[in-house]
Amino acid sequence: MKTGKVLITGANGLLGQAVVSIFSRESDLTLIQTSVEKDPFVDYGIDYHKLNITNKEEVKEAVKMHSPDVILNCAAFTDVDKCETERELCWRLNVDAVKNLIIGSRVNNCKLVHISTDYIFDGKSGPYTETEIPNPISYYGRSKLASENALTASGINFAIARTMVLYGLGVKVKPNFALWLINKLSEKEPVRIVKDQIGNSTLVDDLAYGLLRLIESDKTGIYNLAGRDIESRYDFAMTVCDVFSFDKKLVSSIVTTELNQPAPRPLNSGLITLKAETELGFKPMNSLDGLRLLKHQLGL
């Protein structure tokens, strides 16, 4: 689909902003931004519609009004630890909202592209292909698997993009792992980084480009869209030090159990992106190149 109309939910988030920016530059798609906030955080000169996707009638009305060819769902409750304590909110945003979008898609005969996560796996035998059997160990992971299951059982035209450890720049977005690291280390503050959590750190620009390829190809099913390197968080932190010339002595390695986090993490994780590389022409950056681009974006 080289042309068409895409309705983007969560357009004010980290991923939503990258999607709108890159899609508007790199494609002929007509974009409609939607988010729960009154106004867009960044004005791209593109139609913006205030939308609460947890409200079924609002979703149906918005999809009916704009008649998109594709709904791209970039909205989610992604605070993994808060999902353990705010379970009702987590389920409403990650599952019920997706069911509302499914209804809107079915009524208006449009495709739904949804973002999922490696947290649907237990992290015992990664990295994972798209065909591995899910076994989430956190409430966040269970909510994201439930949203995938709702899609696969819906009978609508859909695609799912699984990703993990998203980082990059955005306006008014919560700190992500890379920016938190850069902020701490630039202030010469020591940090403790886990060496036993393995996976792909994913530059948000890479994911946005992958989603563009997924939509333009009109492919269906599940695709892993994540960074090229599968490495520990500690090794990623070492690359941050290399790129930004930080003192590596500020970074100490620990194991996950030392953090006493409310939500369990899949440790030996990671997503194999061969399918997306082969079928979509997806070409993710490695951590070194991704962080070099982030440094350029930061003007450093």
Protein backbone atom coordinates (compact mmCIF):
# COMPACT_ATOMS: atom_id res chain seq x y z
CA MET A 1 0.00 0.00 0.00
CA LYS A 2 1.99 2.97 -1.26
CA THR A 3 -0.89 5.37 -0.71
CA GLY A 4 -3.78 5.31 1.70
CA LYS A 5 -4.89 6.72 5.03
CA VAL A 6 -3.40 5.70 8.38
CA LEU A 7 -4.98 6.57 11.72
CA ILE A 8 -2.27 6.59 14.41
CA THR A 9 -3.24 6.09 18.05
CA GLY A 10 -0.90 7.29 20.78
CA ALA A 11 0.58 9.89 18.45
CA ASN A 12 1.95 11.92 21.38
CA GLY A 13 4.06 9.04 22.71
CA LEU A 14 7.69 8.24 21.92
CA LEU A 15 6.79 5.80 19.15
CA GLY A 16 3.82 7.83 17.91
CA GLN A 17 5.97 10.93 17.42
CA ALA A 18 8.62 8.97 15.52
CA VAL A 19 5.97 7.31 13.35
CA VAL A 20 4.32 10.60 12.42
CA SER A 21 7.67 12.26 11.70
CA ILE A 22 9.07 9.43 9.57
CA PHE A 23 5.84 8.48 7.80
CA SER A 24 5.22 12.10 6.82
CA ARG A 25 8.75 12.38 5.36
CA GLU A 26 9.16 8.96 3.79
CA SER A 27 5.73 8.02 2.45
CA ASP A 28 2.72 9.24 0.51
CA LEU A 29 0.35 8.00 3.19
CA THR A 30 -2.29 10.36 4.57
CA LEU A 31 -1.94 10.49 8.36
CA ILE A 32 -4.44 11.19 11.14
CA GLN A 33 -2.91 11.62 14.59
CA THR A 34 -4.97 10.65 17.63
CA SER A 35 -4.20 10.71 21.33
CA VAL A 36 -6.00 11.31 24.60
CA GLU A 37 -4.43 14.77 25.04
CA LYS A 38 -6.23 17.85 23.76
CA ASP A 39 -3.40 18.94 21.44
CA PRO A 40 -0.41 17.28 19.72
CA PHE A 41 2.91 17.63 21.55
CA VAL A 42 4.58 18.31 18.19
CA ASP A 43 2.77 20.11 15.38
CA TYR A 44 3.54 18.30 12.13
CA GLY A 45 0.78 20.13 10.27
CA ILE A 46 -1.23 16.89 10.17
CA ASP A 47 -4.84 16.36 11.24
CA TYR A 48 -5.12 15.66 14.96
CA HIS A 49 -8.11 14.10 16.67
CA LYS A 50 -8.47 13.87 20.47
CA LEU A 51 -9.40 10.26 21.16
CA ASN A 52 -9.72 8.07 24.23
CA ILE A 53 -9.31 4.56 22.84
CA THR A 54 -10.75 3.04 26.02
CA ASN A 55 -14.11 4.56 24.99
CA LYS A 56 -15.75 2.24 22.48
CA GLU A 57 -18.14 4.84 21.08
CA GLU A 58 -15.38 7.42 20.63
CA VAL A 59 -13.32 4.87 18.72
CA LYS A 60 -16.21 3.87 16.47
CA GLU A 61 -17.04 7.52 15.75
CA ALA A 62 -13.41 8.47 15.01
CA VAL A 63 -12.88 5.55 12.63
CA LYS A 64 -16.19 6.25 10.93
CA MET A 65 -15.29 9.94 10.55
CA HIS A 66 -11.80 9.42 9.10
CA SER A 67 -12.35 6.13 7.19
CA PRO A 68 -8.72 4.97 7.43
CA ASP A 69 -7.29 2.09 5.45
CA VAL A 70 -5.09 1.19 8.42
CA ILE A 71 -5.22 1.84 12.16
CA LEU A 72 -1.71 1.82 13.67
CA ASN A 73 -1.98 1.34 17.43
CA CYS A 74 1.02 2.98 19.11
CA ALA A 75 -0.82 3.47 22.41
CA ALA A 76 -0.17 1.27 25.46
CA PHE A 77 0.46 1.25 29.20
CA THR A 78 4.12 0.19 29.23
CA ASP A 79 5.22 0.84 32.83
CA VAL A 80 5.92 -2.79 33.64
CA ASP A 81 6.10 -2.36 37.41
CA LYS A 82 3.01 -0.17 37.65
CA CYS A 83 1.11 -2.77 35.64
CA GLU A 84 1.50 -5.11 38.64
CA THR A 85 -0.26 -2.68 40.99
CA GLU A 86 -2.55 -0.80 38.55
CA ARG A 87 -3.95 -3.89 36.89
CA GLU A 88 -7.34 -2.49 35.99
CA LEU A 89 -5.77 0.47 34.17
CA CYS A 90 -3.25 -1.83 32.47
CA TRP A 91 -6.00 -4.12 31.18
CA ARG A 92 -8.18 -1.21 30.05
CA LEU A 93 -5.38 0.36 28.00
CA ASN A 94 -3.65 -2.78 26.73
CA VAL A 95 -6.58 -5.12 26.13
CA ASP A 96 -9.98 -3.43 26.22
CA ALA A 97 -8.74 -0.55 24.06
CA VAL A 98 -7.46 -3.02 21.46
CA LYS A 99 -10.86 -4.73 21.46
CA ASN A 100 -12.42 -1.30 20.77
CA LEU A 101 -10.04 -0.80 17.85
CA ILE A 102 -10.94 -4.27 16.56
CA ILE A 103 -14.62 -3.27 16.61
CA GLY A 104 -13.80 -0.03 14.77
CA SER A 105 -11.74 -1.96 12.22
CA ARG A 106 -14.45 -4.53 11.66
CA VAL A 107 -17.23 -1.96 11.25
CA ASN A 108 -15.18 0.10 8.80
CA ASN A 109 -13.36 -2.79 7.09
CA CYS A 110 -9.84 -1.50 7.75
CA LYS A 111 -6.62 -3.16 8.85
CA LEU A 112 -5.29 -2.97 12.41
CA VAL A 113 -1.52 -2.94 13.03
CA HIS A 114 -0.67 -3.45 16.70
CA ILE A 115 2.56 -3.19 18.74
CA SER A 116 3.46 -6.04 21.09
CA THR A 117 6.48 -7.05 23.13
CA ASP A 118 8.99 -9.74 24.10
CA TYR A 119 7.34 -9.70 27.54
CA ILE A 120 4.83 -12.24 26.22
CA PHE A 121 7.70 -14.76 26.71
CA ASP A 122 9.21 -16.06 29.95
CA GLY A 123 12.80 -15.32 28.94
CA LYS A 124 14.06 -18.84 29.55
CA SER A 125 15.04 -19.78 25.99
CA GLY A 126 15.45 -16.62 23.93
CA PRO A 127 16.05 -15.14 21.47
CA TYR A 128 12.62 -15.79 19.99
CA THR A 129 11.17 -16.13 16.51
CA GLU A 130 7.59 -15.19 15.69
CA THR A 131 6.42 -18.80 16.07
CA GLU A 132 7.61 -19.50 19.64
CA ILE A 133 4.97 -20.36 22.26
CA PRO A 134 4.28 -17.38 24.60
CA ASN A 135 4.45 -17.76 28.38
CA PRO A 136 4.30 -14.33 30.08
CA ILE A 137 5.53 -14.00 33.67
CA SER A 138 4.31 -10.44 34.42
CA TYR A 139 0.90 -8.80 34.34
CA TYR A 140 2.11 -6.47 31.59
CA GLY A 141 3.14 -9.50 29.54
CA ARG A 142 -0.20 -11.18 30.14
CA SER A 143 -2.07 -8.06 29.02
CA LYS A 144 -0.05 -7.80 25.81
CA LEU A 145 -0.56 -11.49 25.05
CA ALA A 146 -4.29 -11.02 25.63
CA SER A 147 -4.31 -8.20 23.09
CA GLU A 148 -2.52 -10.43 20.57
CA ASN A 149 -5.04 -13.21 21.20
CA ALA A 150 -7.93 -10.79 20.72
CA LEU A 151 -6.52 -9.87 17.32
CA THR A 152 -5.83 -13.40 16.14
CA ALA A 153 -9.37 -14.45 17.10
CA SER A 154 -11.04 -11.35 15.64
CA GLY A 155 -11.31 -12.33 11.99
CA ILE A 156 -10.17 -8.85 10.89
CA ASN A 157 -7.18 -7.97 8.72
CA PHE A 158 -4.29 -7.41 11.15
CA ALA A 159 -0.54 -7.40 11.71
CA ILE A 160 1.40 -7.51 14.97
CA ALA A 161 4.86 -5.99 15.41
CA ARG A 162 6.76 -7.26 18.45
CA THR A 163 9.55 -5.07 19.78
CA MET A 164 11.52 -4.42 22.99
CA VAL A 165 13.63 -1.91 24.97
CA LEU A 166 12.64 1.11 22.94
CA TYR A 167 14.84 4.21 23.17
CA GLY A 168 15.10 7.57 21.45
CA LEU A 169 14.05 11.20 21.56
CA GLY A 170 10.55 12.59 22.02
CA VAL A 171 8.76 15.63 23.40
CA LYS A 172 7.17 15.23 26.86
CA VAL A 173 7.76 11.48 26.92
CA LYS A 174 8.86 9.47 29.94
CA PRO A 175 12.61 8.72 30.19
CA ASN A 176 13.73 5.60 28.36
CA PHE A 177 16.72 3.43 29.24
CA ALA A 178 19.25 5.14 26.96
CA LEU A 179 18.25 8.70 27.88
CA TRP A 180 18.21 7.83 31.58
CA LEU A 181 21.72 6.42 31.25
CA ILE A 182 22.98 9.43 29.32
CA ASN A 183 21.50 11.82 31.88
CA LYS A 184 23.01 9.99 34.86
CA LEU A 185 26.44 9.48 33.33
CA SER A 186 26.67 13.04 32.01
CA GLU A 187 26.24 14.16 35.64
CA LYS A 188 28.96 11.68 36.65
CA GLU A 189 26.48 9.73 38.76
CA PRO A 190 27.24 6.03 39.27
CA VAL A 191 24.68 3.58 37.89
CA ARG A 192 23.98 -0.11 38.46
CA ILE A 193 23.06 -1.98 35.30
CA VAL A 194 21.90 -5.58 35.04
CA LYS A 195 24.11 -8.04 33.21
CA ASP A 196 21.57 -10.89 33.16
CA GLN A 197 18.81 -9.25 31.08
CA ILE A 198 19.51 -10.06 27.44
CA GLY A 199 17.70 -8.59 24.44
CA ASN A 200 17.58 -6.05 21.62
CA SER A 201 17.73 -2.35 22.45
CA THR A 202 15.63 -0.74 19.72
CA LEU A 203 16.01 2.80 18.41
CA VAL A 204 12.52 4.23 17.98
CA ASP A 205 13.41 5.44 14.47
CA ASP A 206 14.19 1.84 13.46
CA LEU A 207 10.84 0.62 14.74
CA ALA A 208 9.02 3.44 12.95
CA TYR A 209 10.75 2.59 9.66
CA GLY A 210 9.90 -1.08 10.19
CA LEU A 211 6.25 -0.20 10.73
CA LEU A 212 6.27 1.84 7.54
CA ARG A 213 7.62 -1.17 5.64
CA LEU A 214 5.00 -3.38 7.26
CA ILE A 215 2.14 -1.09 6.27
CA GLU A 216 3.40 -0.39 2.75
CA SER A 217 3.93 -4.11 2.09
CA ASP A 218 0.38 -4.86 3.29
CA LYS A 219 1.70 -7.98 5.04
CA THR A 220 -0.34 -9.72 7.73
CA GLY A 221 0.62 -11.80 10.75
CA ILE A 222 3.41 -11.35 13.30
CA TYR A 223 6.79 -9.69 12.73
CA ASN A 224 9.67 -9.03 15.11
CA LEU A 225 10.90 -5.44 14.69
CA ALA A 226 13.81 -4.73 17.02
CA GLY A 227 17.44 -3.59 17.09
CA ARG A 228 20.12 -5.73 15.47
CA ASP A 229 22.24 -6.53 18.54
CA ILE A 230 21.10 -9.04 21.14
CA GLU A 231 23.11 -8.15 24.23
CA SER A 232 22.91 -7.50 27.96
CA ARG A 233 21.78 -4.16 29.31
CA TYR A 234 25.26 -3.82 30.79
CA ASP A 235 26.92 -4.28 27.39
CA PHE A 236 24.56 -1.68 25.93
CA ALA A 237 25.61 0.70 28.73
CA MET A 238 29.25 0.11 27.79
CA THR A 239 28.44 1.15 24.21
CA VAL A 240 26.74 4.28 25.58
CA CYS A 241 30.00 5.08 27.38
CA ASP A 242 31.99 4.55 24.18
CA VAL A 243 29.74 6.77 22.04
CA PHE A 244 29.32 9.59 24.57
CA SER A 245 32.83 9.34 26.10
CA PHE A 246 31.57 8.58 29.59
CA ASP A 247 33.68 7.02 32.34
CA LYS A 248 32.97 3.28 32.34
CA LYS A 249 33.99 3.09 35.99
CA LEU A 250 30.68 4.79 36.80
CA VAL A 251 28.83 1.68 35.58
CA SER A 252 28.70 -1.36 37.84
CA SER A 253 27.14 -4.67 36.83
CA ILE A 254 24.48 -6.33 38.95
CA VAL A 255 21.89 -9.08 38.56
CA THR A 256 18.17 -8.47 38.31
CA THR A 257 17.30 -9.91 41.73
CA GLU A 258 19.31 -7.11 43.37
CA LEU A 259 16.80 -4.53 42.08
CA ASN A 260 13.77 -6.03 43.87
CA GLN A 261 11.46 -4.87 41.08
CA PRO A 262 7.70 -5.54 41.47
CA ALA A 263 7.39 -7.19 38.04
CA PRO A 264 9.50 -10.19 36.98
CA ARG A 265 11.50 -9.69 33.79
CA PRO A 266 12.17 -12.19 30.99
CA LEU A 267 15.96 -12.52 31.33
CA ASN A 268 17.28 -14.58 28.42
CA SER A 269 15.12 -12.81 25.86
CA GLY A 270 15.64 -11.12 22.50
CA LEU A 271 13.76 -11.09 19.21
CA ILE A 272 15.07 -12.64 15.99
CA THR A 273 14.28 -10.23 13.14
CA LEU A 274 15.15 -12.44 10.14
CA LYS A 275 11.54 -12.68 8.94
CA ALA A 276 11.15 -8.88 8.86
CA GLU A 277 14.54 -8.43 7.22
CA THR A 278 13.68 -10.96 4.52
CA GLU A 279 10.04 -10.11 3.85
CA LEU A 280 9.92 -6.38 4.64
CA GLY A 281 13.43 -5.22 3.87
CA PHE A 282 13.76 -4.18 7.51
CA LYS A 283 17.33 -3.13 8.27
CA PRO A 284 17.73 -2.30 11.96
CA MET A 285 20.82 -0.55 13.27
CA ASN A 286 23.18 -2.12 15.75
CA SER A 287 23.58 -0.43 19.14
CA LEU A 288 26.71 1.49 18.13
CA ASP A 289 25.09 3.08 15.07
CA GLY A 290 21.79 3.67 16.88
CA LEU A 291 23.51 5.50 19.72
CA ARG A 292 25.63 7.52 17.28
CA LEU A 293 22.41 8.68 15.60
CA LEU A 294 20.89 9.48 19.01
CA LYS A 295 23.98 11.54 19.87
CA HIS A 296 23.56 13.47 16.63
CA GLN A 297 19.86 14.03 17.39
CA LEU A 298 20.78 15.34 20.82
CA GLY A 299 23.16 17.81 19.18
CA LEU A 300 26.18 16.47 21.06
